[in-house]
Amino acid sequence: MYKTVRVREDTYKRLNELAARLREKLGRPVSMDEVIRRLLKSKRPSELAGAWEMSEEEEEEIREAIGRMRAKWRPRTA
């Protein structure tokens, strides 16, 4: 049984990029179903390494957010 799933255009683009990498790795065509199944069953972050391509601006935003969180952090005192 098949179902239709609606995703945003950017999500679809990322799924296609993952499908292309998987096709290259396996040397055969893969379906979106196979891509999604692999994503759902992956348990280790390393299995998704390289899956998220971000711009330099996105990277900088993340680094700044982490810096702000670290600046607020205080060690617990007993």
PDB file of N, CA and C in Angstrom:
ATOM      1  N   MET A   1       0.836  -1.167   0.000  1.00  0.00           N
ATOM      2  CA  MET A   1       0.000   0.000   0.000  1.00  0.00           C
ATOM      3  C   MET A   1       0.888   1.240   0.000  1.00  0.00           C
ATOM      4  N   TYR A   2       0.580   2.197  -0.821  1.00  0.00           N
ATOM      5  CA  TYR A   2       1.338   3.435  -0.918  1.00  0.00           C
ATOM      6  C   TYR A   2       0.503   4.603  -0.445  1.00  0.00           C
ATOM      7  N   LYS A   3       1.156   5.600   0.105  1.00  0.00           N
ATOM      8  CA  LYS A   3       0.511   6.818   0.583  1.00  0.00           C
ATOM      9  C   LYS A   3       1.251   8.016   0.002  1.00  0.00           C
ATOM     10  N   THR A   4       0.534   9.102  -0.144  1.00  0.00           N
ATOM     11  CA  THR A   4       1.136  10.348  -0.598  1.00  0.00           C
ATOM     12  C   THR A   4       1.524  11.168   0.622  1.00  0.00           C
ATOM     13  N   VAL A   5       2.733  11.712   0.590  1.00  0.00           N
ATOM     14  CA  VAL A   5       3.220  12.549   1.687  1.00  0.00           C
ATOM     15  C   VAL A   5       3.603  13.900   1.093  1.00  0.00           C
ATOM     16  N   ARG A   6       3.102  14.957   1.696  1.00  0.00           N
ATOM     17  CA  ARG A   6       3.442  16.296   1.224  1.00  0.00           C
ATOM     18  C   ARG A   6       4.618  16.817   2.020  1.00  0.00           C
ATOM     19  N   VAL A   7       5.608  17.344   1.307  1.00  0.00           N
ATOM     20  CA  VAL A   7       6.771  17.953   1.946  1.00  0.00           C
ATOM     21  C   VAL A   7       7.031  19.298   1.271  1.00  0.00           C
ATOM     22  N   ARG A   8       7.689  20.170   1.996  1.00  0.00           N
ATOM     23  CA  ARG A   8       8.055  21.464   1.415  1.00  0.00           C
ATOM     24  C   ARG A   8       9.090  21.246   0.318  1.00  0.00           C
ATOM     25  N   GLU A   9       9.181  22.215  -0.557  1.00  0.00           N
ATOM     26  CA  GLU A   9      10.100  22.103  -1.691  1.00  0.00           C
ATOM     27  C   GLU A   9      11.546  21.911  -1.239  1.00  0.00           C
ATOM     28  N   ASP A  10      11.973  22.643  -0.203  1.00  0.00           N
ATOM     29  CA  ASP A  10      13.355  22.502   0.256  1.00  0.00           C
ATOM     30  C   ASP A  10      13.601  21.118   0.849  1.00  0.00           C
ATOM     31  N   THR A  11      12.604  20.551   1.508  1.00  0.00           N
ATOM     32  CA  THR A  11      12.729  19.192   2.044  1.00  0.00           C
ATOM     33  C   THR A  11      12.856  18.190   0.904  1.00  0.00           C
ATOM     34  N   TYR A  12      12.046  18.364  -0.119  1.00  0.00           N
ATOM     35  CA  TYR A  12      12.102  17.482  -1.288  1.00  0.00           C
ATOM     36  C   TYR A  12      13.470  17.559  -1.960  1.00  0.00           C
ATOM     37  N   LYS A  13      14.006  18.767  -2.054  1.00  0.00           N
ATOM     38  CA  LYS A  13      15.334  18.942  -2.657  1.00  0.00           C
ATOM     39  C   LYS A  13      16.395  18.194  -1.845  1.00  0.00           C
ATOM     40  N   ARG A  14      16.320  18.302  -0.520  1.00  0.00           N
ATOM     41  CA  ARG A  14      17.310  17.612   0.326  1.00  0.00           C
ATOM     42  C   ARG A  14      17.160  16.099   0.219  1.00  0.00           C
ATOM     43  N   LEU A  15      15.918  15.615   0.143  1.00  0.00           N
ATOM     44  CA  LEU A  15      15.707  14.177  -0.035  1.00  0.00           C
ATOM     45  C   LEU A  15      16.288  13.715  -1.368  1.00  0.00           C
ATOM     46  N   ASN A  16      16.118  14.526  -2.415  1.00  0.00           N
ATOM     47  CA  ASN A  16      16.703  14.184  -3.707  1.00  0.00           C
ATOM     48  C   ASN A  16      18.230  14.149  -3.651  1.00  0.00           C
ATOM     49  N   GLU A  17      18.809  15.084  -2.922  1.00  0.00           N
ATOM     50  CA  GLU A  17      20.268  15.101  -2.769  1.00  0.00           C
ATOM     51  C   GLU A  17      20.745  13.835  -2.049  1.00  0.00           C
ATOM     52  N   LEU A  18      20.017  13.443  -1.002  1.00  0.00           N
ATOM     53  CA  LEU A  18      20.367  12.217  -0.292  1.00  0.00           C
ATOM     54  C   LEU A  18      20.194  11.001  -1.198  1.00  0.00           C
ATOM     55  N   ALA A  19      19.144  11.007  -2.002  1.00  0.00           N
ATOM     56  CA  ALA A  19      18.912   9.898  -2.933  1.00  0.00           C
ATOM     57  C   ALA A  19      20.057   9.792  -3.931  1.00  0.00           C
ATOM     58  N   ALA A  20      20.542  10.932  -4.410  1.00  0.00           N
ATOM     59  CA  ALA A  20      21.656  10.921  -5.365  1.00  0.00           C
ATOM     60  C   ALA A  20      22.910  10.327  -4.727  1.00  0.00           C
ATOM     61  N   ARG A  21      23.184  10.713  -3.485  1.00  0.00           N
ATOM     62  CA  ARG A  21      24.355  10.151  -2.791  1.00  0.00           C
ATOM     63  C   ARG A  21      24.197   8.649  -2.575  1.00  0.00           C
ATOM     64  N   LEU A  22      22.999   8.240  -2.226  1.00  0.00           N
ATOM     65  CA  LEU A  22      22.744   6.820  -1.994  1.00  0.00           C
ATOM     66  C   LEU A  22      22.873   6.026  -3.300  1.00  0.00           C
ATOM     67  N   ARG A  23      22.340   6.582  -4.387  1.00  0.00           N
ATOM     68  CA  ARG A  23      22.487   5.927  -5.704  1.00  0.00           C
ATOM     69  C   ARG A  23      23.950   5.756  -6.059  1.00  0.00           C
ATOM     70  N   GLU A  24      24.731   6.804  -5.798  1.00  0.00           N
ATOM     71  CA  GLU A  24      26.165   6.752  -6.097  1.00  0.00           C
ATOM     72  C   GLU A  24      26.851   5.695  -5.234  1.00  0.00           C
ATOM     73  N   LYS A  25      26.497   5.649  -3.975  1.00  0.00           N
ATOM     74  CA  LYS A  25      27.103   4.694  -3.042  1.00  0.00           C
ATOM     75  C   LYS A  25      26.731   3.252  -3.395  1.00  0.00           C
ATOM     76  N   LEU A  26      25.456   3.027  -3.718  1.00  0.00           N
ATOM     77  CA  LEU A  26      24.984   1.663  -3.983  1.00  0.00           C
ATOM     78  C   LEU A  26      25.156   1.240  -5.441  1.00  0.00           C
ATOM     79  N   GLY A  27      25.314   2.210  -6.329  1.00  0.00           N
ATOM     80  CA  GLY A  27      25.479   1.892  -7.738  1.00  0.00           C
ATOM     81  C   GLY A  27      24.209   1.391  -8.401  1.00  0.00           C
ATOM     82  N   ARG A  28      23.059   1.847  -7.884  1.00  0.00           N
ATOM     83  CA  ARG A  28      21.773   1.439  -8.454  1.00  0.00           C
ATOM     84  C   ARG A  28      20.733   2.494  -8.125  1.00  0.00           C
ATOM     85  N   PRO A  29      19.617   2.494  -8.853  1.00  0.00           N
ATOM     86  CA  PRO A  29      18.554   3.450  -8.538  1.00  0.00           C
ATOM     87  C   PRO A  29      17.960   3.184  -7.149  1.00  0.00           C
ATOM     88  N   VAL A  30      17.533   4.238  -6.491  1.00  0.00           N
ATOM     89  CA  VAL A  30      16.855   4.114  -5.199  1.00  0.00           C
ATOM     90  C   VAL A  30      15.583   4.949  -5.233  1.00  0.00           C
ATOM     91  N   SER A  31      14.582   4.510  -4.507  1.00  0.00           N
ATOM     92  CA  SER A  31      13.319   5.244  -4.434  1.00  0.00           C
ATOM     93  C   SER A  31      13.349   6.191  -3.241  1.00  0.00           C
ATOM     94  N   MET A  32      12.425   7.136  -3.244  1.00  0.00           N
ATOM     95  CA  MET A  32      12.290   8.030  -2.092  1.00  0.00           C
ATOM     96  C   MET A  32      11.918   7.220  -0.857  1.00  0.00           C
ATOM     97  N   ASP A  33      11.132   6.173  -1.038  1.00  0.00           N
ATOM     98  CA  ASP A  33      10.769   5.296   0.067  1.00  0.00           C
ATOM     99  C   ASP A  33      12.023   4.724   0.720  1.00  0.00           C
ATOM    100  N   GLU A  34      12.965   4.279  -0.091  1.00  0.00           N
ATOM    101  CA  GLU A  34      14.199   3.709   0.457  1.00  0.00           C
ATOM    102  C   GLU A  34      15.006   4.773   1.194  1.00  0.00           C
ATOM    103  N   VAL A  35      15.066   5.976   0.642  1.00  0.00           N
ATOM    104  CA  VAL A  35      15.794   7.067   1.299  1.00  0.00           C
ATOM    105  C   VAL A  35      15.175   7.353   2.666  1.00  0.00           C
ATOM    106  N   ILE A  36      13.861   7.490   2.710  1.00  0.00           N
ATOM    107  CA  ILE A  36      13.178   7.802   3.970  1.00  0.00           C
ATOM    108  C   ILE A  36      13.324   6.651   4.966  1.00  0.00           C
ATOM    109  N   ARG A  37      13.200   5.415   4.513  1.00  0.00           N
ATOM    110  CA  ARG A  37      13.367   4.267   5.405  1.00  0.00           C
ATOM    111  C   ARG A  37      14.768   4.255   6.029  1.00  0.00           C
ATOM    112  N   ARG A  38      15.776   4.537   5.215  1.00  0.00           N
ATOM    113  CA  ARG A  38      17.143   4.570   5.748  1.00  0.00           C
ATOM    114  C   ARG A  38      17.312   5.684   6.768  1.00  0.00           C
ATOM    115  N   LEU A  39      16.709   6.834   6.512  1.00  0.00           N
ATOM    116  CA  LEU A  39      16.781   7.932   7.472  1.00  0.00           C
ATOM    117  C   LEU A  39      16.095   7.561   8.791  1.00  0.00           C
ATOM    118  N   LEU A  40      14.950   6.899   8.690  1.00  0.00           N
ATOM    119  CA  LEU A  40      14.204   6.523   9.888  1.00  0.00           C
ATOM    120  C   LEU A  40      14.906   5.453  10.710  1.00  0.00           C
ATOM    121  N   LYS A  41      15.618   4.560  10.061  1.00  0.00           N
ATOM    122  CA  LYS A  41      16.261   3.488  10.821  1.00  0.00           C
ATOM    123  C   LYS A  41      17.673   3.832  11.272  1.00  0.00           C
ATOM    124  N   SER A  42      18.242   4.927  10.772  1.00  0.00           N
ATOM    125  CA  SER A  42      19.611   5.267  11.177  1.00  0.00           C
ATOM    126  C   SER A  42      19.621   5.620  12.658  1.00  0.00           C
ATOM    127  N   LYS A  43      20.574   5.074  13.343  1.00  0.00           N
ATOM    128  CA  LYS A  43      20.659   5.272  14.785  1.00  0.00           C
ATOM    129  C   LYS A  43      21.885   6.085  15.179  1.00  0.00           C
ATOM    130  N   ARG A  44      22.840   6.161  14.273  1.00  0.00           N
ATOM    131  CA  ARG A  44      24.057   6.883  14.600  1.00  0.00           C
ATOM    132  C   ARG A  44      24.126   8.178  13.780  1.00  0.00           C
ATOM    133  N   PRO A  45      24.480   9.288  14.417  1.00  0.00           N
ATOM    134  CA  PRO A  45      24.615  10.534  13.668  1.00  0.00           C
ATOM    135  C   PRO A  45      25.602  10.415  12.509  1.00  0.00           C
ATOM    136  N   SER A  46      26.629   9.564  12.660  1.00  0.00           N
ATOM    137  CA  SER A  46      27.625   9.421  11.601  1.00  0.00           C
ATOM    138  C   SER A  46      27.010   8.887  10.311  1.00  0.00           C
ATOM    139  N   GLU A  47      25.871   8.191  10.408  1.00  0.00           N
ATOM    140  CA  GLU A  47      25.214   7.698   9.206  1.00  0.00           C
ATOM    141  C   GLU A  47      24.659   8.834   8.364  1.00  0.00           C
ATOM    142  N   LEU A  48      24.456   9.982   8.993  1.00  0.00           N
ATOM    143  CA  LEU A  48      23.920  11.131   8.281  1.00  0.00           C
ATOM    144  C   LEU A  48      24.999  12.173   7.986  1.00  0.00           C
ATOM    145  N   ALA A  49      26.251  11.838   8.250  1.00  0.00           N
ATOM    146  CA  ALA A  49      27.339  12.790   8.040  1.00  0.00           C
ATOM    147  C   ALA A  49      27.319  13.312   6.611  1.00  0.00           C
ATOM    148  N   GLY A  50      27.400  14.627   6.499  1.00  0.00           N
ATOM    149  CA  GLY A  50      27.410  15.253   5.191  1.00  0.00           C
ATOM    150  C   GLY A  50      26.039  15.469   4.602  1.00  0.00           C
ATOM    151  N   ALA A  51      25.001  15.028   5.278  1.00  0.00           N
ATOM    152  CA  ALA A  51      23.651  15.157   4.735  1.00  0.00           C
ATOM    153  C   ALA A  51      23.133  16.589   4.827  1.00  0.00           C
ATOM    154  N   TRP A  52      23.641  17.354   5.768  1.00  0.00           N
ATOM    155  CA  TRP A  52      23.166  18.715   5.953  1.00  0.00           C
ATOM    156  C   TRP A  52      24.195  19.672   5.388  1.00  0.00           C
ATOM    157  N   GLU A  53      23.864  20.254   4.275  1.00  0.00           N
ATOM    158  CA  GLU A  53      24.739  21.256   3.691  1.00  0.00           C
ATOM    159  C   GLU A  53      24.192  22.613   4.090  1.00  0.00           C
ATOM    160  N   MET A  54      25.028  23.421   4.705  1.00  0.00           N
ATOM    161  CA  MET A  54      24.573  24.722   5.164  1.00  0.00           C
ATOM    162  C   MET A  54      25.439  25.815   4.575  1.00  0.00           C
ATOM    163  N   SER A  55      24.872  26.995   4.523  1.00  0.00           N
ATOM    164  CA  SER A  55      25.613  28.144   4.033  1.00  0.00           C
ATOM    165  C   SER A  55      26.532  28.658   5.139  1.00  0.00           C
ATOM    166  N   GLU A  56      27.453  29.525   4.760  1.00  0.00           N
ATOM    167  CA  GLU A  56      28.341  30.117   5.763  1.00  0.00           C
ATOM    168  C   GLU A  56      27.540  30.956   6.754  1.00  0.00           C
ATOM    169  N   GLU A  57      26.466  31.585   6.270  1.00  0.00           N
ATOM    170  CA  GLU A  57      25.621  32.394   7.152  1.00  0.00           C
ATOM    171  C   GLU A  57      24.935  31.521   8.202  1.00  0.00           C
ATOM    172  N   GLU A  58      24.413  30.351   7.763  1.00  0.00           N
ATOM    173  CA  GLU A  58      23.772  29.437   8.710  1.00  0.00           C
ATOM    174  C   GLU A  58      24.774  28.938   9.733  1.00  0.00           C
ATOM    175  N   GLU A  59      25.971  28.611   9.276  1.00  0.00           N
ATOM    176  CA  GLU A  59      27.009  28.141  10.204  1.00  0.00           C
ATOM    177  C   GLU A  59      27.332  29.214  11.233  1.00  0.00           C
ATOM    178  N   GLU A  60      27.462  30.452  10.783  1.00  0.00           N
ATOM    179  CA  GLU A  60      27.775  31.546  11.696  1.00  0.00           C
ATOM    180  C   GLU A  60      26.652  31.760  12.707  1.00  0.00           C
ATOM    181  N   GLU A  61      25.398  31.672  12.260  1.00  0.00           N
ATOM    182  CA  GLU A  61      24.258  31.815  13.174  1.00  0.00           C
ATOM    183  C   GLU A  61      24.302  30.742  14.259  1.00  0.00           C
ATOM    184  N   ILE A  62      24.612  29.514  13.863  1.00  0.00           N
ATOM    185  CA  ILE A  62      24.672  28.409  14.827  1.00  0.00           C
ATOM    186  C   ILE A  62      25.803  28.634  15.811  1.00  0.00           C
ATOM    187  N   ARG A  63      26.960  29.016  15.294  1.00  0.00           N
ATOM    188  CA  ARG A  63      28.111  29.259  16.183  1.00  0.00           C
ATOM    189  C   ARG A  63      27.808  30.388  17.185  1.00  0.00           C
ATOM    190  N   GLU A  64      27.166  31.454  16.705  1.00  0.00           N
ATOM    191  CA  GLU A  64      26.820  32.557  17.601  1.00  0.00           C
ATOM    192  C   GLU A  64      25.819  32.122  18.662  1.00  0.00           C
ATOM    193  N   ALA A  65      24.835  31.312  18.275  1.00  0.00           N
ATOM    194  CA  ALA A  65      23.840  30.820  19.233  1.00  0.00           C
ATOM    195  C   ALA A  65      24.504  29.948  20.292  1.00  0.00           C
ATOM    196  N   ILE A  66      25.418  29.108  19.875  1.00  0.00           N
ATOM    197  CA  ILE A  66      26.149  28.253  20.831  1.00  0.00           C
ATOM    198  C   ILE A  66      26.972  29.128  21.766  1.00  0.00           C
ATOM    199  N   GLY A  67      27.618  30.142  21.217  1.00  0.00           N
ATOM    200  CA  GLY A  67      28.409  31.064  22.049  1.00  0.00           C
ATOM    201  C   GLY A  67      27.552  31.760  23.094  1.00  0.00           C
ATOM    202  N   ARG A  68      26.350  32.207  22.688  1.00  0.00           N
ATOM    203  CA  ARG A  68      25.441  32.850  23.649  1.00  0.00           C
ATOM    204  C   ARG A  68      25.029  31.883  24.751  1.00  0.00           C
ATOM    205  N   MET A  69      24.730  30.638  24.382  1.00  0.00           N
ATOM    206  CA  MET A  69      24.331  29.654  25.387  1.00  0.00           C
ATOM    207  C   MET A  69      25.482  29.359  26.341  1.00  0.00           C
ATOM    208  N   ARG A  70      26.681  29.245  25.809  1.00  0.00           N
ATOM    209  CA  ARG A  70      27.847  28.966  26.664  1.00  0.00           C
ATOM    210  C   ARG A  70      28.118  30.127  27.613  1.00  0.00           C
ATOM    211  N   ALA A  71      27.909  31.347  27.141  1.00  0.00           N
ATOM    212  CA  ALA A  71      28.149  32.521  27.981  1.00  0.00           C
ATOM    213  C   ALA A  71      27.187  32.557  29.162  1.00  0.00           C
ATOM    214  N   LYS A  72      25.985  32.043  28.994  1.00  0.00           N
ATOM    215  CA  LYS A  72      24.983  32.018  30.066  1.00  0.00           C
ATOM    216  C   LYS A  72      25.190  30.867  31.042  1.00  0.00           C
ATOM    217  N   TRP A  73      25.900  29.841  30.626  1.00  0.00           N
ATOM    218  CA  TRP A  73      26.052  28.647  31.436  1.00  0.00           C
ATOM    219  C   TRP A  73      26.931  28.918  32.647  1.00  0.00           C
ATOM    220  N   ARG A  74      26.474  28.421  33.760  1.00  0.00           N
ATOM    221  CA  ARG A  74      27.251  28.529  35.009  1.00  0.00           C
ATOM    222  C   ARG A  74      27.314  27.135  35.622  1.00  0.00           C
ATOM    223  N   PRO A  75      28.483  26.727  36.090  1.00  0.00           N
ATOM    224  CA  PRO A  75      28.563  25.395  36.720  1.00  0.00           C
ATOM    225  C   PRO A  75      27.754  25.361  38.005  1.00  0.00           C
ATOM    226  N   ARG A  76      27.233  24.180  38.290  1.00  0.00           N
ATOM    227  CA  ARG A  76      26.479  24.008  39.545  1.00  0.00           C
ATOM    228  C   ARG A  76      27.423  24.065  40.727  1.00  0.00           C
ATOM    229  N   THR A  77      26.929  24.647  41.787  1.00  0.00           N
ATOM    230  CA  THR A  77      27.703  24.643  43.029  1.00  0.00           C
ATOM    231  C   THR A  77      26.960  23.809  44.045  1.00  0.00           C
ATOM    232  N   ALA A  78      27.715  23.085  44.827  1.00  0.00           N
ATOM    233  CA  ALA A  78      27.091  22.179  45.796  1.00  0.00           C
ATOM    234  C   ALA A  78      26.646  22.881  47.030  1.00  0.00           C
TER     235      ALA A  78
END
